[in-house]
C-alpha atoms as a PDB file:
ATOM      1  CA  MET A   1       3.607 -15.919  -8.499  1.00  0.00           C
ATOM      2  CA  ASN A   2       3.345 -13.638  -5.491  1.00  0.00           C
ATOM      3  CA  ALA A   3      -0.190 -13.461  -4.026  1.00  0.00           C
ATOM      4  CA  PHE A   4      -0.558  -9.711  -4.618  1.00  0.00           C
ATOM      5  CA  GLN A   5       0.632 -10.073  -8.205  1.00  0.00           C
ATOM      6  CA  HIS A   6      -1.940 -12.845  -8.640  1.00  0.00           C
ATOM      7  CA  LEU A   7      -4.666 -10.629  -7.170  1.00  0.00           C
ATOM      8  CA  LEU A   8      -3.921  -7.915  -9.727  1.00  0.00           C
ATOM      9  CA  ALA A   9      -3.688 -10.416 -12.577  1.00  0.00           C
ATOM     10  CA  GLN A  10      -7.111 -11.853 -11.726  1.00  0.00           C
ATOM     11  CA  ALA A  11      -8.848  -8.484 -11.239  1.00  0.00           C
ATOM     12  CA  ASP A  12     -10.549  -8.598 -14.683  1.00  0.00           C
ATOM     13  CA  GLY A  13     -11.783  -5.013 -14.611  1.00  0.00           C
ATOM     14  CA  HIS A  14     -12.753  -5.037 -10.928  1.00  0.00           C
ATOM     15  CA  PRO A  15     -10.030  -3.155  -9.007  1.00  0.00           C
ATOM     16  CA  PRO A  16      -9.167  -5.004  -5.787  1.00  0.00           C
ATOM     17  CA  LEU A  17     -10.229  -2.963  -2.774  1.00  0.00           C
ATOM     18  CA  GLY A  18      -7.900  -2.346   0.131  1.00  0.00           C
ATOM     19  CA  THR A  19      -7.414  -0.133   3.159  1.00  0.00           C
ATOM     20  CA  TRP A  20      -4.630   1.132   5.406  1.00  0.00           C
ATOM     21  CA  VAL A  21      -3.864  -0.425   8.795  1.00  0.00           C
ATOM     22  CA  MET A  22      -2.497   2.402  10.949  1.00  0.00           C
ATOM     23  CA  SER A  23      -3.639   1.371  14.430  1.00  0.00           C
ATOM     24  CA  ALA A  24      -0.620  -0.894  14.978  1.00  0.00           C
ATOM     25  CA  SER A  25      -3.071  -3.314  16.613  1.00  0.00           C
ATOM     26  CA  PRO A  26      -3.100  -7.014  15.657  1.00  0.00           C
ATOM     27  CA  ILE A  27      -6.718  -7.337  16.843  1.00  0.00           C
ATOM     28  CA  VAL A  28      -7.847  -4.422  14.688  1.00  0.00           C
ATOM     29  CA  ALA A  29      -5.799  -5.694  11.741  1.00  0.00           C
ATOM     30  CA  GLU A  30      -7.409  -9.109  12.068  1.00  0.00           C
ATOM     31  CA  ALA A  31     -10.887  -7.569  12.298  1.00  0.00           C
ATOM     32  CA  VAL A  32     -10.265  -5.391   9.252  1.00  0.00           C
ATOM     33  CA  GLY A  33      -9.001  -8.479   7.448  1.00  0.00           C
ATOM     34  CA  CYS A  34     -12.350 -10.151   8.096  1.00  0.00           C
ATOM     35  CA  ALA A  35     -14.348  -7.153   6.831  1.00  0.00           C
ATOM     36  CA  GLY A  36     -14.085  -8.031   3.146  1.00  0.00           C
ATOM     37  CA  PHE A  37     -11.042  -6.107   1.921  1.00  0.00           C
ATOM     38  CA  ASP A  38      -8.936  -7.787  -0.749  1.00  0.00           C
ATOM     39  CA  TRP A  39      -5.659  -6.267   0.457  1.00  0.00           C
ATOM     40  CA  GLY A  40      -4.422  -3.978   3.192  1.00  0.00           C
ATOM     41  CA  VAL A  41      -1.320  -1.895   3.809  1.00  0.00           C
ATOM     42  CA  LEU A  42       0.434  -2.559   7.103  1.00  0.00           C
ATOM     43  CA  ASP A  43       2.081   0.818   7.465  1.00  0.00           C
ATOM     44  CA  MET A  44       5.487   1.332   9.041  1.00  0.00           C
ATOM     45  CA  GLU A  45       6.053   4.795   7.581  1.00  0.00           C
ATOM     46  CA  HIS A  46       3.516   6.766   9.610  1.00  0.00           C
ATOM     47  CA  THR A  47       2.790   4.485  12.572  1.00  0.00           C
ATOM     48  CA  PRO A  48       4.655   3.284  15.691  1.00  0.00           C
ATOM     49  CA  LEU A  49       5.161  -0.228  14.285  1.00  0.00           C
ATOM     50  CA  ASP A  50       8.435  -1.913  15.137  1.00  0.00           C
ATOM     51  CA  LEU A  51       9.648  -5.244  13.789  1.00  0.00           C
ATOM     52  CA  MET A  52       7.939  -7.462  16.360  1.00  0.00           C
ATOM     53  CA  ASP A  53       4.704  -5.541  15.774  1.00  0.00           C
ATOM     54  CA  VAL A  54       5.073  -6.357  12.070  1.00  0.00           C
ATOM     55  CA  VAL A  55       5.336 -10.049  12.902  1.00  0.00           C
ATOM     56  CA  HIS A  56       2.199  -9.834  15.038  1.00  0.00           C
ATOM     57  CA  LEU A  57       0.246  -8.053  12.291  1.00  0.00           C
ATOM     58  CA  LEU A  58       1.363 -10.570   9.678  1.00  0.00           C
ATOM     59  CA  GLN A  59       0.268 -13.378  11.984  1.00  0.00           C
ATOM     60  CA  ALA A  60      -3.058 -11.662  12.655  1.00  0.00           C
ATOM     61  CA  THR A  61      -3.898 -11.155   8.982  1.00  0.00           C
ATOM     62  CA  ALA A  62      -2.647 -14.576   7.875  1.00  0.00           C
ATOM     63  CA  GLY A  63      -5.953 -16.151   8.889  1.00  0.00           C
ATOM     64  CA  THR A  64      -8.055 -13.645   6.934  1.00  0.00           C
ATOM     65  CA  PRO A  65      -8.790 -13.187   3.212  1.00  0.00           C
ATOM     66  CA  MET A  66      -6.988  -9.802   3.189  1.00  0.00           C
ATOM     67  CA  LEU A  67      -3.540  -9.886   1.577  1.00  0.00           C
ATOM     68  CA  PRO A  68      -1.010  -7.818   3.541  1.00  0.00           C
ATOM     69  CA  VAL A  69       1.171  -5.256   1.789  1.00  0.00           C
ATOM     70  CA  LEU A  70       3.880  -3.909   4.073  1.00  0.00           C
ATOM     71  CA  ARG A  71       4.903  -0.286   3.587  1.00  0.00           C
ATOM     72  CA  VAL A  72       8.459   0.068   4.833  1.00  0.00           C
ATOM     73  CA  PRO A  73       9.426   3.379   6.482  1.00  0.00           C
ATOM     74  CA  TRP A  74      12.057   4.106   3.834  1.00  0.00           C
ATOM     75  CA  ASN A  75      13.984   2.608   0.941  1.00  0.00           C
ATOM     76  CA  ASP A  76      16.513   1.075   3.306  1.00  0.00           C
ATOM     77  CA  THR A  77      18.280  -2.201   2.549  1.00  0.00           C
ATOM     78  CA  VAL A  78      18.662  -3.238   6.181  1.00  0.00           C
ATOM     79  CA  MET A  79      14.999  -2.618   7.017  1.00  0.00           C
ATOM     80  CA  VAL A  80      13.893  -4.499   3.906  1.00  0.00           C
ATOM     81  CA  LYS A  81      16.048  -7.494   4.844  1.00  0.00           C
ATOM     82  CA  ARG A  82      14.495  -7.597   8.288  1.00  0.00           C
ATOM     83  CA  VAL A  83      10.841  -7.362   7.183  1.00  0.00           C
ATOM     84  CA  LEU A  84      11.392 -10.035   4.525  1.00  0.00           C
ATOM     85  CA  ASP A  85      12.919 -12.304   7.159  1.00  0.00           C
ATOM     86  CA  ALA A  86       9.864 -11.520   9.308  1.00  0.00           C
ATOM     87  CA  GLY A  87       7.631 -12.916   6.577  1.00  0.00           C
ATOM     88  CA  ALA A  88       6.504  -9.942   4.485  1.00  0.00           C
ATOM     89  CA  LYS A  89       5.993 -10.866   0.824  1.00  0.00           C
ATOM     90  CA  SER A  90       4.628  -7.684  -0.793  1.00  0.00           C
ATOM     91  CA  LEU A  91       6.468  -4.433  -0.091  1.00  0.00           C
ATOM     92  CA  LEU A  92       5.449  -0.840  -0.757  1.00  0.00           C
ATOM     93  CA  PHE A  93       8.373   1.589  -0.968  1.00  0.00           C
ATOM     94  CA  PRO A  94       7.502   5.231  -0.203  1.00  0.00           C
ATOM     95  CA  PHE A  95       8.866   8.316  -1.954  1.00  0.00           C
ATOM     96  CA  VAL A  96      10.662   6.679  -4.875  1.00  0.00           C
ATOM     97  CA  GLN A  97      11.934   9.518  -7.054  1.00  0.00           C
ATOM     98  CA  ASN A  98      13.770   7.924  -9.964  1.00  0.00           C
ATOM     99  CA  ALA A  99      14.844   4.695 -11.640  1.00  0.00           C
ATOM    100  CA  ASP A 100      18.019   4.378  -9.552  1.00  0.00           C
ATOM    101  CA  GLU A 101      15.992   4.428  -6.340  1.00  0.00           C
ATOM    102  CA  ALA A 102      13.583   1.878  -7.833  1.00  0.00           C
ATOM    103  CA  ARG A 103      16.507  -0.387  -8.734  1.00  0.00           C
ATOM    104  CA  ARG A 104      17.825  -0.077  -5.176  1.00  0.00           C
ATOM    105  CA  ALA A 105      14.417  -1.064  -3.824  1.00  0.00           C
ATOM    106  CA  VAL A 106      14.233  -4.143  -6.019  1.00  0.00           C
ATOM    107  CA  ALA A 107      17.822  -5.169  -5.241  1.00  0.00           C
ATOM    108  CA  SER A 108      17.126  -5.064  -1.510  1.00  0.00           C
ATOM    109  CA  THR A 109      14.403  -7.709  -1.956  1.00  0.00           C
ATOM    110  CA  ARG A 110      16.514 -10.139  -4.008  1.00  0.00           C
ATOM    111  CA  TYR A 111      19.121 -12.658  -2.991  1.00  0.00           C
ATOM    112  CA  PRO A 112      22.397 -12.612  -4.974  1.00  0.00           C
ATOM    113  CA  PRO A 113      23.194 -12.575  -7.780  1.00  0.00           C
ATOM    114  CA  GLU A 114      20.003 -10.619  -8.599  1.00  0.00           C
ATOM    115  CA  GLY A 115      20.252  -8.383  -5.537  1.00  0.00           C
ATOM    116  CA  VAL A 116      21.825  -7.736  -2.174  1.00  0.00           C
ATOM    117  CA  ARG A 117      19.470  -9.312   0.367  1.00  0.00           C
ATOM    118  CA  GLY A 118      21.430 -10.879   3.192  1.00  0.00           C
ATOM    119  CA  MET A 119      21.010 -14.615   3.691  1.00  0.00           C
ATOM    120  CA  ALA A 120      19.664 -16.041   6.934  1.00  0.00           C
ATOM    121  CA  GLY A 121      19.612 -19.732   7.683  1.00  0.00           C
ATOM    122  CA  MET A 122      16.494 -19.569   9.840  1.00  0.00           C
ATOM    123  CA  SER A 123      13.658 -17.049   9.524  1.00  0.00           C
ATOM    124  CA  ARG A 124       9.904 -16.736   9.479  1.00  0.00           C
ATOM    125  CA  GLY A 125      10.205 -15.801   5.802  1.00  0.00           C
ATOM    126  CA  SER A 126      11.510 -19.282   4.971  1.00  0.00           C
ATOM    127  CA  ARG A 127       8.927 -20.919   7.229  1.00  0.00           C
ATOM    128  CA  PHE A 128      11.795 -21.533   9.632  1.00  0.00           C
ATOM    129  CA  GLY A 129      13.906 -23.331   7.065  1.00  0.00           C
ATOM    130  CA  THR A 130      11.155 -25.632   5.784  1.00  0.00           C
ATOM    131  CA  VAL A 131      10.663 -24.041   2.325  1.00  0.00           C
ATOM    132  CA  PRO A 132      12.665 -26.206  -0.107  1.00  0.00           C
ATOM    133  CA  ASP A 133      15.465 -24.295  -1.893  1.00  0.00           C
ATOM    134  CA  TYR A 134      14.266 -21.053  -0.310  1.00  0.00           C
ATOM    135  CA  TYR A 135      17.303 -19.054  -1.431  1.00  0.00           C
ATOM    136  CA  ARG A 136      16.612 -20.051  -5.040  1.00  0.00           C
ATOM    137  CA  VAL A 137      12.830 -19.546  -5.067  1.00  0.00           C
ATOM    138  CA  ALA A 138      12.426 -16.569  -2.718  1.00  0.00           C
ATOM    139  CA  ASN A 139      13.142 -13.902  -5.336  1.00  0.00           C
ATOM    140  CA  ARG A 140      10.095 -14.948  -7.357  1.00  0.00           C
ATOM    141  CA  SER A 141       7.802 -14.746  -4.323  1.00  0.00           C
ATOM    142  CA  ILE A 142       8.346 -11.055  -3.526  1.00  0.00           C
ATOM    143  CA  ALA A 143       6.296  -8.195  -5.007  1.00  0.00           C
ATOM    144  CA  VAL A 144       7.722  -4.678  -5.214  1.00  0.00           C
ATOM    145  CA  ILE A 145       5.392  -1.681  -5.382  1.00  0.00           C
ATOM    146  CA  VAL A 146       6.952   1.768  -5.661  1.00  0.00           C
ATOM    147  CA  GLN A 147       5.169   4.893  -4.477  1.00  0.00           C
ATOM    148  CA  LEU A 148       5.373   8.062  -6.562  1.00  0.00           C
ATOM    149  CA  GLU A 149       4.315  11.160  -4.686  1.00  0.00           C
ATOM    150  CA  THR A 150       5.981  14.242  -6.157  1.00  0.00           C
ATOM    151  CA  PRO A 151       5.923  16.002  -9.538  1.00  0.00           C
ATOM    152  CA  ALA A 152       9.609  15.094  -9.937  1.00  0.00           C
ATOM    153  CA  ALA A 153       8.760  11.403  -9.529  1.00  0.00           C
ATOM    154  CA  MET A 154       5.862  11.744 -11.969  1.00  0.00           C
ATOM    155  CA  ASP A 155       8.285  13.104 -14.555  1.00  0.00           C
ATOM    156  CA  GLN A 156      10.281   9.875 -14.186  1.00  0.00           C
ATOM    157  CA  LEU A 157       7.260   7.536 -14.261  1.00  0.00           C
ATOM    158  CA  GLU A 158       8.134   5.626 -17.420  1.00  0.00           C
ATOM    159  CA  ALA A 159      11.776   5.149 -16.377  1.00  0.00           C
ATOM    160  CA  ILE A 160      10.716   3.931 -12.925  1.00  0.00           C
ATOM    161  CA  ALA A 161       8.081   1.583 -14.337  1.00  0.00           C
ATOM    162  CA  ALA A 162      10.643   0.084 -16.721  1.00  0.00           C
ATOM    163  CA  VAL A 163      12.918  -1.100 -13.895  1.00  0.00           C
ATOM    164  CA  GLU A 164      12.988  -4.888 -13.857  1.00  0.00           C
ATOM    165  CA  GLY A 165      11.336  -6.180 -10.705  1.00  0.00           C
ATOM    166  CA  VAL A 166       8.966  -3.252 -10.198  1.00  0.00           C
ATOM    167  CA  ASP A 167       5.596  -4.980 -10.186  1.00  0.00           C
ATOM    168  CA  ALA A 168       3.254  -2.043  -9.672  1.00  0.00           C
ATOM    169  CA  ILE A 169       3.105   1.709  -9.219  1.00  0.00           C
ATOM    170  CA  PHE A 170       1.288   3.456  -6.383  1.00  0.00           C
ATOM    171  CA  LEU A 171       0.391   7.150  -6.453  1.00  0.00           C
ATOM    172  CA  GLY A 172       0.372   8.955  -3.106  1.00  0.00           C
ATOM    173  CA  PRO A 173      -2.191  11.777  -3.352  1.00  0.00           C
ATOM    174  CA  ALA A 174      -1.417  13.371   0.020  1.00  0.00           C
ATOM    175  CA  ASP A 175       2.251  14.134  -0.597  1.00  0.00           C
ATOM    176  CA  LEU A 176       1.617  14.798  -4.285  1.00  0.00           C
ATOM    177  CA  SER A 177      -1.007  17.421  -3.513  1.00  0.00           C
ATOM    178  CA  GLY A 178       1.316  19.060  -0.991  1.00  0.00           C
ATOM    179  CA  ALA A 179       4.229  19.086  -3.415  1.00  0.00           C
ATOM    180  CA  MET A 180       1.976  20.684  -6.020  1.00  0.00           C
ATOM    181  CA  GLY A 181       1.055  23.514  -3.661  1.00  0.00           C
ATOM    182  CA  HIS A 182      -2.388  22.189  -2.690  1.00  0.00           C
ATOM    183  CA  VAL A 183      -1.671  21.094   0.883  1.00  0.00           C
ATOM    184  CA  GLY A 184      -4.622  19.210   2.343  1.00  0.00           C
ATOM    185  CA  ASN A 185      -6.609  19.291  -0.899  1.00  0.00           C
ATOM    186  CA  LEU A 186      -6.029  15.812  -2.279  1.00  0.00           C
ATOM    187  CA  THR A 187      -8.785  16.116  -4.861  1.00  0.00           C
ATOM    188  CA  HIS A 188      -7.834  19.509  -6.275  1.00  0.00           C
ATOM    189  CA  PRO A 189      -8.546  19.460 -10.036  1.00  0.00           C
ATOM    190  CA  GLU A 190      -4.850  19.895 -10.859  1.00  0.00           C
ATOM    191  CA  VAL A 191      -3.913  16.941  -8.647  1.00  0.00           C
ATOM    192  CA  MET A 192      -6.658  14.761 -10.082  1.00  0.00           C
ATOM    193  CA  ALA A 193      -5.553  15.663 -13.608  1.00  0.00           C
ATOM    194  CA  VAL A 194      -1.946  14.628 -12.925  1.00  0.00           C
ATOM    195  CA  MET A 195      -3.099  11.358 -11.370  1.00  0.00           C
ATOM    196  CA  SER A 196      -5.429  10.577 -14.265  1.00  0.00           C
ATOM    197  CA  GLN A 197      -2.641  11.241 -16.737  1.00  0.00           C
ATOM    198  CA  ALA A 198      -0.371   8.963 -14.720  1.00  0.00           C
ATOM    199  CA  VAL A 199      -2.912   6.140 -15.029  1.00  0.00           C
ATOM    200  CA  THR A 200      -2.859   6.490 -18.797  1.00  0.00           C
ATOM    201  CA  ARG A 201       0.938   6.534 -18.812  1.00  0.00           C
ATOM    202  CA  CYS A 202       1.169   3.436 -16.584  1.00  0.00           C
ATOM    203  CA  HIS A 203      -1.234   1.536 -18.800  1.00  0.00           C
ATOM    204  CA  ALA A 204       0.740   2.554 -21.870  1.00  0.00           C
ATOM    205  CA  VAL A 205       3.789   0.753 -20.450  1.00  0.00           C
ATOM    206  CA  GLY A 206       1.755  -2.156 -19.067  1.00  0.00           C
ATOM    207  CA  LYS A 207       2.206  -1.437 -15.374  1.00  0.00           C
ATOM    208  CA  PRO A 208      -0.635  -1.686 -12.796  1.00  0.00           C
ATOM    209  CA  VAL A 209      -1.236   1.505 -10.822  1.00  0.00           C
ATOM    210  CA  GLY A 210      -3.100   2.079  -7.567  1.00  0.00           C
ATOM    211  CA  THR A 211      -3.937   4.775  -5.036  1.00  0.00           C
ATOM    212  CA  VAL A 212      -5.931   5.513  -1.872  1.00  0.00           C
ATOM    213  CA  GLY A 213      -8.896   7.791  -1.208  1.00  0.00           C
ATOM    214  CA  GLY A 214     -10.492   8.924   2.023  1.00  0.00           C
ATOM    215  CA  THR A 215     -14.141   8.419   1.067  1.00  0.00           C
ATOM    216  CA  VAL A 216     -16.327   6.213  -1.087  1.00  0.00           C
ATOM    217  CA  GLU A 217     -16.950   9.165  -3.399  1.00  0.00           C
ATOM    218  CA  VAL A 218     -13.243   9.791  -3.969  1.00  0.00           C
ATOM    219  CA  VAL A 219     -12.508   6.100  -4.510  1.00  0.00           C
ATOM    220  CA  GLN A 220     -15.296   5.984  -7.098  1.00  0.00           C
ATOM    221  CA  GLN A 221     -13.552   8.832  -8.931  1.00  0.00           C
ATOM    222  CA  TYR A 222     -10.314   6.866  -8.899  1.00  0.00           C
ATOM    223  CA  ARG A 223     -12.060   3.791 -10.226  1.00  0.00           C
ATOM    224  CA  ALA A 224     -13.574   5.858 -13.038  1.00  0.00           C
ATOM    225  CA  ALA A 225     -10.078   7.162 -13.840  1.00  0.00           C
ATOM    226  CA  GLY A 226      -8.947   3.576 -14.437  1.00  0.00           C
ATOM    227  CA  PHE A 227      -6.843   2.742 -11.379  1.00  0.00           C
ATOM    228  CA  ASP A 228      -6.116  -0.973 -11.211  1.00  0.00           C
ATOM    229  CA  TYR A 229      -6.265  -1.286  -7.410  1.00  0.00           C
ATOM    230  CA  VAL A 230      -7.603   1.159  -4.845  1.00  0.00           C
ATOM    231  CA  ALA A 231      -7.744   1.580  -1.089  1.00  0.00           C
ATOM    232  CA  ILE A 232     -10.251   3.443   1.026  1.00  0.00           C
ATOM    233  CA  ALA A 233      -9.291   5.280   4.190  1.00  0.00           C
ATOM    234  CA  SER A 234      -7.640   3.424   7.084  1.00  0.00           C
ATOM    235  CA  ASP A 235      -8.710   1.490  10.125  1.00  0.00           C
ATOM    236  CA  LEU A 236      -8.331   4.624  12.262  1.00  0.00           C
ATOM    237  CA  GLY A 237     -10.028   6.822   9.678  1.00  0.00           C
ATOM    238  CA  LEU A 238     -13.039   4.528   9.433  1.00  0.00           C
ATOM    239  CA  LEU A 239     -13.186   4.241  13.225  1.00  0.00           C
ATOM    240  CA  MET A 240     -13.035   7.997  13.798  1.00  0.00           C
ATOM    241  CA  ARG A 241     -15.614   8.731  11.135  1.00  0.00           C
ATOM    242  CA  ALA A 242     -18.094   6.310  12.688  1.00  0.00           C
ATOM    243  CA  ALA A 243     -17.295   7.439  16.235  1.00  0.00           C
ATOM    244  CA  GLN A 244     -17.675  11.131  15.437  1.00  0.00           C
ATOM    245  CA  GLY A 245     -20.886  10.445  13.556  1.00  0.00           C
ATOM    246  CA  ALA A 246     -22.413   8.601  16.507  1.00  0.00           C
ATOM    247  CA  VAL A 247     -21.268  11.179  19.044  1.00  0.00           C
ATOM    248  CA  GLY A 248     -22.495  14.034  16.895  1.00  0.00           C
ATOM    249  CA  ALA A 249     -25.899  12.464  16.327  1.00  0.00           C
ATOM    250  CA  LEU A 250     -26.463  11.705  20.001  1.00  0.00           C
ATOM    251  CA  LYS A 251     -25.202  15.032  21.326  1.00  0.00           C
ATOM    252  CA  LYS A 252     -27.546  16.902  19.027  1.00  0.00           C
ATOM    253  CA  GLY A 253     -30.572  15.652  20.871  1.00  0.00           C
ATOM    254  CA  GLY A 254     -30.390  11.939  21.450  1.00  0.00           C
ATOM    255  CA  GLY A 255     -32.428  11.034  18.407  1.00  0.00           C
ATOM    256  CA  ALA A 256     -31.735   8.452  15.766  1.00  0.00           C
ATOM    257  CA  PRO A 257     -28.229   8.639  14.279  1.00  0.00           C
ATOM    258  CA  THR A 258     -27.969  10.777  11.184  1.00  0.00           C
ATOM    259  CA  PRO A 259     -25.894   9.874   8.128  1.00  0.00           C
ATOM    260  CA  VAL A 260     -22.222  10.644   8.633  1.00  0.00           C
ATOM    261  CA  ALA A 261     -20.996  13.469   6.478  1.00  0.00           C
ATOM    262  CA  ALA A 262     -18.242  12.675   4.032  1.00  0.00           C
ATOM    263  CA  ALA A 263     -14.831  13.088   5.599  1.00  0.00           C
ATOM    264  CA  SER A 264     -12.512  15.853   4.518  1.00  0.00           C
ATOM    265  CA  SER A 265     -10.329  15.057   1.549  1.00  0.00           C
ATOM    266  CA  SER A 266      -7.284  16.035   3.574  1.00  0.00           C
ATOM    267  CA  GLY A 267      -6.620  12.544   4.917  1.00  0.00           C
ATOM    268  CA  TYR A 268      -7.598   8.898   5.162  1.00  0.00           C
END
């Protein structure tokens, strides 16, 4: 079983806690991995990460307890082949809109005859050819998480979740809120209602569902709604919040630091 699948299976009512790694820094990724998070998204969609950077981040987090989930920039077969060869095991696909796109995502992670992943004789993914029968066992070691982030995708939730090989659903509150006409207001009551309903629908079909919130308070709301795995903020978001809090406290008079106000719900 894939490590992320195992993490979800062993959660036992305690949603694994993750974060986003957006700094593109192996040192920061390694530090975040030592902070106590169960999992972390290494993000290629909204960061300057290239393929060698991905390798460096996977190497940096390999020595930490944090399980890496790689978000690819798009549902692209060539990119998926390359990040799997680089050693990624758990992939998050952004902006999946329907079952056909979910099937394409799964197929890109599977060797034939189950999929279309190209075969390489030597790669980091196969531990440089040392994994016995890698071509035969690799398909079972990959986790596929699909990200739903529009009302149109929400309408197709059950069909997407039913695609063989989709291991988990992830709801993207930022794009969802924008698509619903509440740009920058990720916790608008209408957005929260749709997400809560989606949790119920995912559980009805037996599929784990996760999301990300910018603050402890928002993540607590997601936990109460029944999400199976949750992430809080990002490495850059946590850094900026602490930095701005310290600067603000000291510039106001040089006294003791004051508690940092909760960040806006408009980002992570």
